[in-house]
Every structure is written in structure tokens, then in C-alpha cells.
N, C-alpha and C. Protein backbone atom coordinates (compact mmCIF):
# COMPACT_ATOMS: atom_id res chain seq x y z
N ILE A 1 109.97 114.95 86.66
CA ILE A 1 109.44 113.69 87.05
C ILE A 1 108.58 113.93 88.27
N ASP A 2 107.34 113.40 88.30
CA ASP A 2 106.50 113.50 89.46
C ASP A 2 105.89 112.10 89.80
N LYS A 3 105.02 112.13 90.73
CA LYS A 3 104.47 110.86 91.20
C LYS A 3 103.64 110.15 90.10
N ALA A 4 103.02 110.93 89.22
CA ALA A 4 102.31 110.37 88.10
C ALA A 4 103.21 109.56 87.20
N TYR A 5 104.43 110.04 87.01
CA TYR A 5 105.44 109.27 86.25
C TYR A 5 105.73 107.95 86.90
N GLY A 6 105.92 108.00 88.17
CA GLY A 6 106.21 106.77 88.94
C GLY A 6 105.04 105.76 88.88
N MET A 7 103.88 106.28 89.04
CA MET A 7 102.72 105.36 88.94
C MET A 7 102.51 104.77 87.58
N THR A 8 102.76 105.61 86.61
CA THR A 8 102.66 105.13 85.16
C THR A 8 103.72 104.04 84.95
N GLU A 9 104.93 104.22 85.40
CA GLU A 9 105.97 103.16 85.27
C GLU A 9 105.56 101.91 86.05
N LEU A 10 104.96 102.05 87.21
CA LEU A 10 104.57 100.96 88.06
C LEU A 10 103.48 100.11 87.23
N ALA A 11 102.51 100.88 86.67
CA ALA A 11 101.42 100.20 85.92
C ALA A 11 101.99 99.48 84.70
N GLU A 12 102.91 100.10 84.02
CA GLU A 12 103.44 99.49 82.77
C GLU A 12 104.29 98.25 83.15
N ARG A 13 105.08 98.29 84.18
CA ARG A 13 105.93 97.21 84.57
C ARG A 13 105.21 96.01 85.23
N THR A 14 104.08 96.32 85.83
CA THR A 14 103.39 95.27 86.60
C THR A 14 102.11 94.80 85.86
N GLY A 15 101.63 95.68 84.92
CA GLY A 15 100.37 95.27 84.28
C GLY A 15 99.14 95.57 85.09
N ILE A 16 99.27 96.22 86.23
CA ILE A 16 98.20 96.62 87.07
C ILE A 16 97.56 97.90 86.59
N ALA A 17 96.25 97.89 86.35
CA ALA A 17 95.59 99.08 85.87
C ALA A 17 95.44 100.13 86.98
N PHE A 18 95.39 101.36 86.58
CA PHE A 18 95.24 102.48 87.54
C PHE A 18 94.02 102.25 88.39
N GLY A 19 92.95 101.78 87.83
CA GLY A 19 91.72 101.58 88.62
C GLY A 19 91.81 100.48 89.68
N GLU A 20 92.81 99.67 89.56
CA GLU A 20 93.01 98.56 90.52
C GLU A 20 94.06 98.92 91.57
N MET A 21 94.61 100.11 91.48
CA MET A 21 95.58 100.58 92.43
C MET A 21 94.87 101.42 93.54
N LEU A 22 95.58 101.61 94.61
CA LEU A 22 95.06 102.50 95.64
C LEU A 22 96.23 103.36 96.18
N PHE A 23 96.05 104.66 96.12
CA PHE A 23 97.15 105.57 96.53
C PHE A 23 96.74 106.37 97.78
N TYR A 24 97.63 106.52 98.69
CA TYR A 24 97.43 107.30 99.92
C TYR A 24 98.32 108.53 99.76
N GLY A 25 97.77 109.68 99.97
CA GLY A 25 98.52 110.92 99.88
C GLY A 25 98.02 112.05 100.80
N ASP A 26 98.91 112.87 101.21
CA ASP A 26 98.57 113.99 102.04
C ASP A 26 98.45 115.34 101.34
N ARG A 27 98.76 115.30 100.07
CA ARG A 27 98.65 116.53 99.28
C ARG A 27 97.95 116.20 97.91
N LEU A 28 96.66 115.77 97.99
CA LEU A 28 95.91 115.45 96.79
C LEU A 28 95.24 116.69 96.25
N ASP A 29 95.33 117.77 96.86
CA ASP A 29 94.70 119.06 96.39
C ASP A 29 95.46 119.55 95.16
N GLU A 30 94.79 120.32 94.27
CA GLU A 30 95.47 120.85 93.11
C GLU A 30 96.69 121.67 93.54
N GLY A 31 97.82 121.35 92.88
CA GLY A 31 99.06 121.97 93.28
C GLY A 31 99.86 121.13 94.27
N GLY A 32 99.22 120.11 94.86
CA GLY A 32 99.96 119.23 95.80
C GLY A 32 100.82 118.28 95.07
N ASN A 33 101.82 117.72 95.73
CA ASN A 33 102.75 116.86 95.07
C ASN A 33 102.06 115.41 94.82
N ASP A 34 100.97 115.12 95.39
CA ASP A 34 100.25 113.89 95.13
C ASP A 34 99.15 114.06 94.12
N TYR A 35 98.86 115.26 93.76
CA TYR A 35 97.70 115.60 92.81
C TYR A 35 97.89 114.89 91.46
N PRO A 36 99.10 114.85 90.91
CA PRO A 36 99.33 114.17 89.62
C PRO A 36 98.80 112.74 89.51
N VAL A 37 98.93 112.09 90.65
CA VAL A 37 98.39 110.67 90.73
C VAL A 37 96.89 110.68 90.61
N LYS A 38 96.25 111.57 91.30
CA LYS A 38 94.81 111.70 91.29
C LYS A 38 94.27 112.00 89.88
N THR A 39 95.03 112.79 89.11
CA THR A 39 94.63 113.14 87.77
C THR A 39 94.75 111.97 86.80
N LEU A 40 95.48 110.96 87.14
CA LEU A 40 95.60 109.77 86.32
C LEU A 40 94.35 108.87 86.48
N GLY A 41 93.56 109.08 87.53
CA GLY A 41 92.39 108.24 87.70
C GLY A 41 92.70 107.10 88.73
N VAL A 42 93.77 107.17 89.38
CA VAL A 42 94.07 106.19 90.43
C VAL A 42 93.23 106.51 91.62
N PRO A 43 92.47 105.55 92.19
CA PRO A 43 91.75 105.81 93.38
C PRO A 43 92.68 106.29 94.48
N CYS A 44 92.28 107.37 95.18
CA CYS A 44 93.13 107.99 96.17
C CYS A 44 92.44 108.17 97.47
N ILE A 45 93.18 108.10 98.59
CA ILE A 45 92.64 108.35 99.94
C ILE A 45 93.55 109.42 100.57
N ALA A 46 92.88 110.48 100.99
CA ALA A 46 93.64 111.59 101.63
C ALA A 46 93.94 111.19 103.05
N VAL A 47 95.20 111.38 103.42
CA VAL A 47 95.69 111.07 104.75
C VAL A 47 96.45 112.31 105.30
N GLU A 48 96.74 112.20 106.62
CA GLU A 48 97.47 113.24 107.32
C GLU A 48 98.65 112.61 108.06
N GLY A 49 99.70 112.29 107.31
CA GLY A 49 100.86 111.68 107.93
C GLY A 49 100.88 110.15 107.93
N TRP A 50 102.00 109.60 108.33
CA TRP A 50 102.19 108.15 108.19
C TRP A 50 101.27 107.39 109.18
N GLU A 51 100.99 108.00 110.28
CA GLU A 51 100.11 107.30 111.31
C GLU A 51 98.71 107.14 110.74
N ASP A 52 98.25 108.14 110.00
CA ASP A 52 96.89 108.07 109.40
C ASP A 52 96.89 107.02 108.31
N THR A 53 98.00 106.97 107.53
CA THR A 53 98.14 106.01 106.49
C THR A 53 98.07 104.60 107.09
N ALA A 54 98.87 104.37 108.16
CA ALA A 54 98.91 103.06 108.80
C ALA A 54 97.50 102.65 109.32
N ALA A 55 96.75 103.64 109.83
CA ALA A 55 95.40 103.33 110.37
C ALA A 55 94.47 102.93 109.22
N HIS A 56 94.53 103.59 108.06
CA HIS A 56 93.77 103.27 106.91
C HIS A 56 94.14 101.87 106.37
N LEU A 57 95.38 101.55 106.34
CA LEU A 57 95.84 100.25 105.90
C LEU A 57 95.37 99.15 106.83
N ASP A 58 95.44 99.42 108.15
CA ASP A 58 94.95 98.43 109.16
C ASP A 58 93.52 98.14 108.96
N ALA A 59 92.68 99.21 108.63
CA ALA A 59 91.29 99.01 108.38
C ALA A 59 91.01 98.26 107.10
N LEU A 60 91.87 98.39 106.13
CA LEU A 60 91.66 97.83 104.81
C LEU A 60 92.11 96.38 104.78
N LEU A 61 93.28 96.03 105.34
CA LEU A 61 93.88 94.72 105.20
C LEU A 61 92.99 93.57 105.71
N PRO A 62 92.31 93.66 106.76
CA PRO A 62 91.48 92.52 107.25
C PRO A 62 90.39 92.14 106.27
N THR A 63 90.07 93.06 105.34
CA THR A 63 88.96 92.83 104.36
C THR A 63 89.50 92.09 103.15
N LEU A 64 90.80 92.02 102.98
CA LEU A 64 91.36 91.30 101.78
C LEU A 64 91.28 89.83 101.88
């Protein structure tokens, strides 16, 4: 089981398409634990730690 499995389950249970999701990961490179999500076609943003993730979310949320 990897993160692609989790994202697939999330999509099936919520009805949200992969293209409408947004995934933040620090290992999106081939061989990284977040890479399987990228291969699904889920839009991904590379981050470096939770602080970087929080900064990206802060920048995104005011636009919603």
C-alpha cells in the first residue's frame, strides 16, 4: 500500500477527480514515497517540510 492507494480510495469515496485535488509532497522524485501520487495525475506541489507546506497553503487559501 502506498500513497497512490490512499488517494485512489479518497477519490472513490468522495467523488473528487484526481485533477481537482492538490497534493503537497517532499519526495515527488522518482523513487520517492510521494511519487506514486504524481503518477496518478494528481496536481502536486513540491515542498520541504511542514513549514513550507503551511506557507504554500497560506498563499493558496486567500484565493479560494
